[in-house]
Amino acid sequence: MDRTESTSHTGFHAGSFSARDETRVAAEAARRRVRIMSATLYPALAHPEPVAPPAARLALKPYGASRGLLDGAWWPRSRDLLSELPALTDALDSLWGRITRIAVNPEYWPVIPRKVSANGHVVKVGWFTPEIDPHKLLLLSYGTGRWDLLTIPPETGAESAARLMAAASDHDSPPLTASALIAADEARHGVAAMAVPEQSGPPSRLIVGK
């Protein structure tokens, strides 16, 4: 009789302790879930603003000037036409009308893409060896006209590039071809256009109209 009561009494207290323990475990688990959920509620990270490509380095003859053999000069930052031509056409579309075709001499361009995307449209690119001066870029605007730009080598120093851009965009400049203009500047100043590493600063004179 005593053993039965003792067993029953012990069992009753053991059952009461187990219920309290389960309640405590459930409460702790709920607190952990709350901590885990709150730890994952981070605010959304702001997306970085896209970096705009650098503007094309251009010098163009003013409106009404005698065109001669060149309409201005372009100083690209590299010999990668796929990355350089979009900025150039973006700048010229608003001045000369939408550029639809571009032609180059392949001598100084390692890769010539068939087309490039620029300013929401596609520009076709081609090359001609005997017809185009190696230092010239030919641009066509459908129904508007044709323009010829002196292409200054990307490696040219800032001072030499500034002189060439000024000469190519001067309405009183002599009618020299692109290569002859570069050769004349090299002979006069004793500095080869492609011998000086490229400088990061823009040339001292830029003309943004024709």
C-alpha atoms as a PDB file:
ATOM      1  CA  MET A   1       0.000   0.000   0.000  1.00  0.00           C
ATOM      2  CA  ASP A   2       2.774   2.369   0.931  1.00  0.00           C
ATOM      3  CA  ARG A   3       4.682   1.433  -2.232  1.00  0.00           C
ATOM      4  CA  THR A   4       1.636   2.103  -4.391  1.00  0.00           C
ATOM      5  CA  GLU A   5       1.015   5.506  -2.906  1.00  0.00           C
ATOM      6  CA  SER A   6       4.712   6.305  -3.078  1.00  0.00           C
ATOM      7  CA  THR A   7       4.867   5.329  -6.722  1.00  0.00           C
ATOM      8  CA  SER A   8       1.731   7.241  -7.544  1.00  0.00           C
ATOM      9  CA  HIS A   9       2.982  10.291  -5.695  1.00  0.00           C
ATOM     10  CA  THR A  10       6.353  10.157  -7.424  1.00  0.00           C
ATOM     11  CA  GLY A  11       4.743   9.730 -10.802  1.00  0.00           C
ATOM     12  CA  PHE A  12       2.483  12.717 -10.228  1.00  0.00           C
ATOM     13  CA  HIS A  13       5.399  15.036  -9.434  1.00  0.00           C
ATOM     14  CA  ALA A  14       7.448  13.726 -12.376  1.00  0.00           C
ATOM     15  CA  GLY A  15       4.545  14.405 -14.736  1.00  0.00           C
ATOM     16  CA  SER A  16       4.112  17.960 -13.413  1.00  0.00           C
ATOM     17  CA  PHE A  17       7.819  18.718 -13.950  1.00  0.00           C
ATOM     18  CA  SER A  18       7.682  17.416 -17.552  1.00  0.00           C
ATOM     19  CA  ALA A  19       4.743  19.693 -18.419  1.00  0.00           C
ATOM     20  CA  ARG A  20       6.518  22.767 -17.083  1.00  0.00           C
ATOM     21  CA  ASP A  21       9.679  21.812 -18.935  1.00  0.00           C
ATOM     22  CA  GLU A  22       7.805  21.410 -22.239  1.00  0.00           C
ATOM     23  CA  THR A  23       6.195  24.816 -21.755  1.00  0.00           C
ATOM     24  CA  ARG A  24       9.582  26.397 -21.070  1.00  0.00           C
ATOM     25  CA  VAL A  25      11.147  24.684 -24.115  1.00  0.00           C
ATOM     26  CA  ALA A  26       8.292  25.811 -26.360  1.00  0.00           C
ATOM     27  CA  ALA A  27       8.627  29.399 -25.127  1.00  0.00           C
ATOM     28  CA  GLU A  28      12.389  29.380 -25.730  1.00  0.00           C
ATOM     29  CA  ALA A  29      11.895  27.970 -29.224  1.00  0.00           C
ATOM     30  CA  ALA A  30       9.372  30.713 -29.974  1.00  0.00           C
ATOM     31  CA  ARG A  31      11.848  33.347 -28.788  1.00  0.00           C
ATOM     32  CA  ARG A  32      14.533  31.845 -31.019  1.00  0.00           C
ATOM     33  CA  ARG A  33      12.212  31.976 -34.004  1.00  0.00           C
ATOM     34  CA  VAL A  34      11.485  35.610 -33.303  1.00  0.00           C
ATOM     35  CA  ARG A  35      15.209  36.375 -33.060  1.00  0.00           C
ATOM     36  CA  ILE A  36      15.932  34.516 -36.302  1.00  0.00           C
ATOM     37  CA  MET A  37      13.130  36.288 -38.140  1.00  0.00           C
ATOM     38  CA  SER A  38      14.134  39.693 -36.867  1.00  0.00           C
ATOM     39  CA  ALA A  39      17.752  39.035 -37.802  1.00  0.00           C
ATOM     40  CA  THR A  40      16.858  38.424 -41.435  1.00  0.00           C
ATOM     41  CA  LEU A  41      14.696  41.512 -41.927  1.00  0.00           C
ATOM     42  CA  TYR A  42      17.412  43.754 -43.381  1.00  0.00           C
ATOM     43  CA  PRO A  43      16.472  46.805 -45.443  1.00  0.00           C
ATOM     44  CA  ALA A  44      17.008  46.397 -49.181  1.00  0.00           C
ATOM     45  CA  LEU A  45      20.388  47.645 -50.359  1.00  0.00           C
ATOM     46  CA  ALA A  46      20.289  50.567 -52.767  1.00  0.00           C
ATOM     47  CA  HIS A  47      21.476  49.700 -56.279  1.00  0.00           C
ATOM     48  CA  PRO A  48      24.521  51.728 -57.348  1.00  0.00           C
ATOM     49  CA  GLU A  49      23.852  54.333 -59.978  1.00  0.00           C
ATOM     50  CA  PRO A  50      25.167  53.323 -63.431  1.00  0.00           C
ATOM     51  CA  VAL A  51      28.336  55.138 -64.415  1.00  0.00           C
ATOM     52  CA  ALA A  52      27.941  57.082 -67.637  1.00  0.00           C
ATOM     53  CA  PRO A  53      30.641  56.493 -70.246  1.00  0.00           C
ATOM     54  CA  PRO A  54      33.040  59.382 -70.803  1.00  0.00           C
ATOM     55  CA  ALA A  55      32.041  61.922 -73.426  1.00  0.00           C
ATOM     56  CA  ALA A  56      33.693  61.857 -76.833  1.00  0.00           C
ATOM     57  CA  ARG A  57      36.642  64.204 -77.291  1.00  0.00           C
ATOM     58  CA  LEU A  58      35.704  66.221 -80.354  1.00  0.00           C
ATOM     59  CA  ALA A  59      36.639  69.443 -82.119  1.00  0.00           C
ATOM     60  CA  LEU A  60      34.344  70.441 -85.005  1.00  0.00           C
ATOM     61  CA  LYS A  61      34.380  73.256 -87.503  1.00  0.00           C
ATOM     62  CA  PRO A  62      31.809  75.992 -86.805  1.00  0.00           C
ATOM     63  CA  TYR A  63      28.636  76.316 -88.826  1.00  0.00           C
ATOM     64  CA  GLY A  64      29.114  78.030 -92.164  1.00  0.00           C
ATOM     65  CA  ALA A  65      32.858  77.395 -92.324  1.00  0.00           C
ATOM     66  CA  SER A  66      34.504  76.070 -95.454  1.00  0.00           C
ATOM     67  CA  ARG A  67      34.652  72.323 -94.996  1.00  0.00           C
ATOM     68  CA  GLY A  68      37.867  71.624 -96.860  1.00  0.00           C
ATOM     69  CA  LEU A  69      39.080  68.055 -96.480  1.00  0.00           C
ATOM     70  CA  LEU A  70      38.155  67.661 -92.814  1.00  0.00           C
ATOM     71  CA  ASP A  71      35.157  68.598 -90.683  1.00  0.00           C
ATOM     72  CA  GLY A  72      36.997  68.361 -87.389  1.00  0.00           C
ATOM     73  CA  ALA A  73      38.924  65.936 -85.228  1.00  0.00           C
ATOM     74  CA  TRP A  74      38.203  63.039 -82.886  1.00  0.00           C
ATOM     75  CA  TRP A  75      40.563  61.855 -80.131  1.00  0.00           C
ATOM     76  CA  PRO A  76      39.457  58.365 -78.989  1.00  0.00           C
ATOM     77  CA  ARG A  77      40.677  56.921 -75.697  1.00  0.00           C
ATOM     78  CA  SER A  78      41.483  53.483 -77.127  1.00  0.00           C
ATOM     79  CA  ARG A  79      41.576  51.464 -80.339  1.00  0.00           C
ATOM     80  CA  ASP A  80      38.430  49.569 -79.396  1.00  0.00           C
ATOM     81  CA  LEU A  81      35.824  50.763 -81.901  1.00  0.00           C
ATOM     82  CA  LEU A  82      33.048  48.828 -80.214  1.00  0.00           C
ATOM     83  CA  SER A  83      33.437  50.897 -77.048  1.00  0.00           C
ATOM     84  CA  GLU A  84      34.501  54.194 -78.653  1.00  0.00           C
ATOM     85  CA  LEU A  85      31.965  54.677 -81.465  1.00  0.00           C
ATOM     86  CA  PRO A  86      28.757  54.836 -79.346  1.00  0.00           C
ATOM     87  CA  ALA A  87      29.919  57.954 -77.478  1.00  0.00           C
ATOM     88  CA  LEU A  88      31.001  59.561 -80.744  1.00  0.00           C
ATOM     89  CA  THR A  89      27.691  58.969 -82.516  1.00  0.00           C
ATOM     90  CA  ASP A  90      25.744  60.073 -79.436  1.00  0.00           C
ATOM     91  CA  ALA A  91      27.523  63.424 -79.617  1.00  0.00           C
ATOM     92  CA  LEU A  92      27.101  63.833 -83.376  1.00  0.00           C
ATOM     93  CA  ASP A  93      23.482  62.696 -83.748  1.00  0.00           C
ATOM     94  CA  SER A  94      22.149  65.954 -82.298  1.00  0.00           C
ATOM     95  CA  LEU A  95      24.539  68.063 -84.402  1.00  0.00           C
ATOM     96  CA  TRP A  96      24.602  66.365 -87.788  1.00  0.00           C
ATOM     97  CA  GLY A  97      21.531  64.159 -87.764  1.00  0.00           C
ATOM     98  CA  ARG A  98      21.389  60.460 -87.008  1.00  0.00           C
ATOM     99  CA  ILE A  99      24.625  58.753 -88.011  1.00  0.00           C
ATOM    100  CA  THR A 100      23.801  55.575 -89.957  1.00  0.00           C
ATOM    101  CA  ARG A 101      27.169  54.406 -91.335  1.00  0.00           C
ATOM    102  CA  ILE A 102      30.823  54.722 -90.358  1.00  0.00           C
ATOM    103  CA  ALA A 103      33.848  53.701 -92.409  1.00  0.00           C
ATOM    104  CA  VAL A 104      37.513  53.448 -91.419  1.00  0.00           C
ATOM    105  CA  ASN A 105      40.830  52.309 -92.778  1.00  0.00           C
ATOM    106  CA  PRO A 106      41.735  49.098 -90.873  1.00  0.00           C
ATOM    107  CA  GLU A 107      45.445  49.945 -90.550  1.00  0.00           C
ATOM    108  CA  TYR A 108      45.211  51.253 -86.965  1.00  0.00           C
ATOM    109  CA  TRP A 109      42.107  49.351 -85.788  1.00  0.00           C
ATOM    110  CA  PRO A 110      42.723  45.745 -84.655  1.00  0.00           C
ATOM    111  CA  VAL A 111      39.020  44.822 -84.686  1.00  0.00           C
ATOM    112  CA  ILE A 112      36.292  46.397 -86.798  1.00  0.00           C
ATOM    113  CA  PRO A 113      32.755  45.463 -85.721  1.00  0.00           C
ATOM    114  CA  ARG A 114      30.068  45.142 -88.398  1.00  0.00           C
ATOM    115  CA  LYS A 115      27.673  47.275 -86.353  1.00  0.00           C
ATOM    116  CA  VAL A 116      27.428  49.126 -83.044  1.00  0.00           C
ATOM    117  CA  SER A 117      24.457  50.200 -80.932  1.00  0.00           C
ATOM    118  CA  ALA A 118      24.335  53.923 -80.296  1.00  0.00           C
ATOM    119  CA  ASN A 119      21.695  56.313 -79.022  1.00  0.00           C
ATOM    120  CA  GLY A 120      18.887  53.817 -79.475  1.00  0.00           C
ATOM    121  CA  HIS A 121      19.716  52.733 -83.016  1.00  0.00           C
ATOM    122  CA  VAL A 122      22.207  50.584 -84.909  1.00  0.00           C
ATOM    123  CA  VAL A 123      25.127  52.078 -86.854  1.00  0.00           C
ATOM    124  CA  LYS A 124      26.730  49.960 -89.565  1.00  0.00           C
ATOM    125  CA  VAL A 125      30.534  49.958 -89.695  1.00  0.00           C
ATOM    126  CA  GLY A 126      32.725  49.167 -92.687  1.00  0.00           C
ATOM    127  CA  TRP A 127      36.292  49.564 -93.867  1.00  0.00           C
ATOM    128  CA  PHE A 128      38.079  50.546 -97.052  1.00  0.00           C
ATOM    129  CA  THR A 129      41.828  50.339 -97.505  1.00  0.00           C
ATOM    130  CA  PRO A 130      42.743  52.561-100.470  1.00  0.00           C
ATOM    131  CA  GLU A 131      39.844  55.037-100.338  1.00  0.00           C
ATOM    132  CA  ILE A 132      40.139  56.191 -96.721  1.00  0.00           C
ATOM    133  CA  ASP A 133      43.121  57.881 -95.091  1.00  0.00           C
ATOM    134  CA  PRO A 134      44.427  55.718 -92.172  1.00  0.00           C
ATOM    135  CA  HIS A 135      44.010  58.701 -89.830  1.00  0.00           C
ATOM    136  CA  LYS A 136      40.473  59.561 -90.922  1.00  0.00           C
ATOM    137  CA  LEU A 137      36.976  58.490 -89.940  1.00  0.00           C
ATOM    138  CA  LEU A 138      34.138  58.787 -92.462  1.00  0.00           C
ATOM    139  CA  LEU A 139      30.583  59.256 -91.157  1.00  0.00           C
ATOM    140  CA  LEU A 140      27.327  59.173 -93.119  1.00  0.00           C
ATOM    141  CA  SER A 141      23.932  60.446 -92.041  1.00  0.00           C
ATOM    142  CA  TYR A 142      21.070  59.122 -94.132  1.00  0.00           C
ATOM    143  CA  GLY A 143      19.577  61.929 -96.190  1.00  0.00           C
ATOM    144  CA  THR A 144      21.778  64.563 -94.543  1.00  0.00           C
ATOM    145  CA  GLY A 145      25.360  64.235 -95.668  1.00  0.00           C
ATOM    146  CA  ARG A 146      28.890  63.007 -95.114  1.00  0.00           C
ATOM    147  CA  TRP A 147      31.568  64.154 -92.670  1.00  0.00           C
ATOM    148  CA  ASP A 148      35.275  63.407 -92.375  1.00  0.00           C
ATOM    149  CA  LEU A 149      37.088  63.546 -89.045  1.00  0.00           C
ATOM    150  CA  LEU A 150      40.787  63.477 -88.345  1.00  0.00           C
ATOM    151  CA  THR A 151      41.340  60.557 -85.968  1.00  0.00           C
ATOM    152  CA  ILE A 152      44.080  61.411 -83.492  1.00  0.00           C
ATOM    153  CA  PRO A 153      45.894  58.309 -82.189  1.00  0.00           C
ATOM    154  CA  PRO A 154      44.778  57.454 -78.623  1.00  0.00           C
ATOM    155  CA  GLU A 155      48.401  57.432 -77.421  1.00  0.00           C
ATOM    156  CA  THR A 156      48.909  61.080 -78.403  1.00  0.00           C
ATOM    157  CA  GLY A 157      49.882  63.482 -75.628  1.00  0.00           C
ATOM    158  CA  ALA A 158      47.458  66.205 -74.558  1.00  0.00           C
ATOM    159  CA  GLU A 159      49.476  69.093 -76.062  1.00  0.00           C
ATOM    160  CA  SER A 160      49.857  67.435 -79.446  1.00  0.00           C
ATOM    161  CA  ALA A 161      46.197  66.426 -79.462  1.00  0.00           C
ATOM    162  CA  ALA A 162      45.131  69.993 -78.653  1.00  0.00           C
ATOM    163  CA  ARG A 163      47.169  71.358 -81.579  1.00  0.00           C
ATOM    164  CA  LEU A 164      45.776  68.774 -83.989  1.00  0.00           C
ATOM    165  CA  MET A 165      42.201  69.348 -82.871  1.00  0.00           C
ATOM    166  CA  ALA A 166      42.599  73.088 -83.259  1.00  0.00           C
ATOM    167  CA  ALA A 167      44.140  72.714 -86.726  1.00  0.00           C
ATOM    168  CA  ALA A 168      41.466  70.307 -87.964  1.00  0.00           C
ATOM    169  CA  SER A 169      38.608  72.505 -86.698  1.00  0.00           C
ATOM    170  CA  ASP A 170      40.043  75.869 -87.824  1.00  0.00           C
ATOM    171  CA  HIS A 171      38.083  77.266 -90.770  1.00  0.00           C
ATOM    172  CA  ASP A 172      41.282  78.932 -92.065  1.00  0.00           C
ATOM    173  CA  SER A 173      43.402  75.780 -91.878  1.00  0.00           C
ATOM    174  CA  PRO A 174      45.148  74.642 -95.085  1.00  0.00           C
ATOM    175  CA  PRO A 175      43.419  71.840 -97.008  1.00  0.00           C
ATOM    176  CA  LEU A 176      45.573  68.982 -95.747  1.00  0.00           C
ATOM    177  CA  THR A 177      44.640  65.330 -95.517  1.00  0.00           C
ATOM    178  CA  ALA A 178      44.437  63.715 -92.081  1.00  0.00           C
ATOM    179  CA  SER A 179      47.827  62.013 -92.380  1.00  0.00           C
ATOM    180  CA  ALA A 180      49.436  65.165 -93.823  1.00  0.00           C
ATOM    181  CA  LEU A 181      48.124  67.203 -90.891  1.00  0.00           C
ATOM    182  CA  ILE A 182      49.636  64.796 -88.375  1.00  0.00           C
ATOM    183  CA  ALA A 183      52.934  64.693 -90.297  1.00  0.00           C
ATOM    184  CA  ALA A 184      53.078  68.515 -90.448  1.00  0.00           C
ATOM    185  CA  ASP A 185      52.552  68.789 -86.679  1.00  0.00           C
ATOM    186  CA  GLU A 186      55.241  66.203 -86.014  1.00  0.00           C
ATOM    187  CA  ALA A 187      57.702  67.984 -88.310  1.00  0.00           C
ATOM    188  CA  ARG A 188      56.997  71.387 -86.778  1.00  0.00           C
ATOM    189  CA  HIS A 189      57.181  70.351 -83.120  1.00  0.00           C
ATOM    190  CA  GLY A 190      59.467  67.343 -83.335  1.00  0.00           C
ATOM    191  CA  VAL A 191      57.068  65.123 -81.414  1.00  0.00           C
ATOM    192  CA  ALA A 192      55.549  62.021 -82.955  1.00  0.00           C
ATOM    193  CA  ALA A 193      51.826  61.866 -82.319  1.00  0.00           C
ATOM    194  CA  MET A 194      51.951  58.224 -81.247  1.00  0.00           C
ATOM    195  CA  ALA A 195      55.161  58.392 -79.190  1.00  0.00           C
ATOM    196  CA  VAL A 196      53.685  60.023 -76.077  1.00  0.00           C
ATOM    197  CA  PRO A 197      51.531  58.017 -73.617  1.00  0.00           C
ATOM    198  CA  GLU A 198      47.883  58.967 -73.500  1.00  0.00           C
ATOM    199  CA  GLN A 199      46.981  61.706 -71.017  1.00  0.00           C
ATOM    200  CA  SER A 200      43.798  61.650 -68.958  1.00  0.00           C
ATOM    201  CA  GLY A 201      42.915  65.324 -69.395  1.00  0.00           C
ATOM    202  CA  PRO A 202      40.971  66.715 -72.348  1.00  0.00           C
ATOM    203  CA  PRO A 203      42.591  68.932 -74.968  1.00  0.00           C
ATOM    204  CA  SER A 204      42.692  72.639 -74.256  1.00  0.00           C
ATOM    205  CA  ARG A 205      40.278  73.636 -77.043  1.00  0.00           C
ATOM    206  CA  LEU A 206      37.014  71.946 -77.865  1.00  0.00           C
ATOM    207  CA  ILE A 207      34.421  73.114 -80.364  1.00  0.00           C
ATOM    208  CA  VAL A 208      30.989  71.523 -79.982  1.00  0.00           C
ATOM    209  CA  GLY A 209      29.277  72.967 -83.011  1.00  0.00           C
ATOM    210  CA  LYS A 210      29.795  72.925 -86.727  1.00  0.00           C
END
